[in-house]
Amino acid sequence: MKFVPKAVLTITFVAAASLAAAFVGGISLAAPNNPPPPSPDPVPPGLPIDSGILMLIVAAAGLGIYKIYQSKYRKAPR
């Protein structure tokens, strides 16, 4: 796996975190002044999984896998 510079990871993480925060906060990026229409179906019992929470889980899993591979294939100091 190719090494990715820390600046690229930081910019990607900040962008993903801000987008996930917007999703979790319920902010509509398409129409910020209009509330979303109510759902016609009743909400099923249990915890509804929001797309922002799913994005955070996927981003955390991706970052964890990257860190594992980065530490696994780290070059020995000369």
Protein backbone atom coordinates (compact mmCIF):
# COMPACT_ATOMS: atom_id res chain seq x y z
CA MET A 1 0.00 0.00 0.00
CA LYS A 2 1.36 3.39 -0.95
CA PHE A 3 2.07 5.86 1.84
CA VAL A 4 -0.39 8.76 1.93
CA PRO A 5 0.88 12.14 3.21
CA LYS A 6 -0.54 13.34 6.51
CA ALA A 7 -1.90 16.55 4.93
CA VAL A 8 -4.06 14.55 2.50
CA LEU A 9 -5.41 12.43 5.36
CA THR A 10 -6.15 15.52 7.45
CA ILE A 11 -8.02 17.29 4.65
CA THR A 12 -9.99 14.14 3.81
CA PHE A 13 -10.84 13.51 7.47
CA VAL A 14 -12.03 17.10 8.03
CA ALA A 15 -14.18 16.99 4.89
CA ALA A 16 -15.73 13.64 5.81
CA ALA A 17 -16.28 14.70 9.43
CA SER A 18 -17.99 17.96 8.45
CA LEU A 19 -20.21 16.19 5.92
CA ALA A 20 -21.10 13.52 8.47
CA ALA A 21 -21.86 16.21 11.07
CA ALA A 22 -24.18 17.88 8.57
CA PHE A 23 -25.97 14.57 7.96
CA VAL A 24 -26.23 13.75 11.67
CA GLY A 25 -27.41 17.27 12.44
CA GLY A 26 -30.21 16.89 9.92
CA ILE A 27 -29.10 19.77 7.73
CA SER A 28 -30.37 19.41 4.19
CA LEU A 29 -27.55 20.39 1.85
CA ALA A 30 -29.88 20.63 -1.16
CA ALA A 31 -32.47 22.97 0.38
CA PRO A 32 -31.24 24.37 3.71
CA ASN A 33 -34.25 26.66 4.25
CA ASN A 34 -36.96 24.07 3.64
CA PRO A 35 -37.60 21.29 6.14
CA PRO A 36 -37.81 17.78 4.70
CA PRO A 37 -41.32 16.44 4.09
CA PRO A 38 -42.72 14.15 6.77
CA SER A 39 -42.39 10.44 6.20
CA PRO A 40 -45.68 8.75 5.28
CA ASP A 41 -44.68 5.47 6.92
CA PRO A 42 -44.46 5.11 10.70
CA VAL A 43 -40.99 4.73 12.16
CA PRO A 44 -40.30 1.09 13.04
CA PRO A 45 -39.32 0.32 16.63
CA GLY A 46 -35.65 0.36 17.46
CA LEU A 47 -32.82 2.74 16.67
CA PRO A 48 -33.00 4.21 13.17
CA ILE A 49 -29.55 4.31 11.58
CA ASP A 50 -28.87 7.67 9.99
CA SER A 51 -26.73 8.04 6.88
CA GLY A 52 -24.33 10.29 8.80
CA ILE A 53 -23.76 7.64 11.45
CA LEU A 54 -23.14 5.07 8.72
CA MET A 55 -20.65 7.45 7.11
CA LEU A 56 -18.82 7.87 10.42
CA ILE A 57 -18.64 4.08 10.87
CA VAL A 58 -17.30 3.55 7.34
CA ALA A 59 -14.76 6.38 7.74
CA ALA A 60 -13.56 5.01 11.08
CA ALA A 61 -13.23 1.51 9.64
CA GLY A 62 -11.33 2.82 6.62
CA LEU A 63 -8.97 4.87 8.79
CA GLY A 64 -8.40 1.89 11.08
CA ILE A 65 -7.59 -0.43 8.17
CA TYR A 66 -5.24 2.19 6.71
CA LYS A 67 -3.42 2.59 10.05
CA ILE A 68 -3.07 -1.20 10.43
CA TYR A 69 -1.55 -1.53 6.96
CA GLN A 70 0.63 1.52 7.52
CA SER A 71 2.11 0.06 10.71
CA LYS A 72 2.38 -3.41 9.18
CA TYR A 73 4.38 -2.31 6.15
CA ARG A 74 6.42 0.47 7.77
CA LYS A 75 9.96 0.66 6.48
CA ALA A 76 12.72 -0.03 8.98
CA PRO A 77 14.91 2.99 9.80
CA ARG A 78 18.29 2.96 8.15
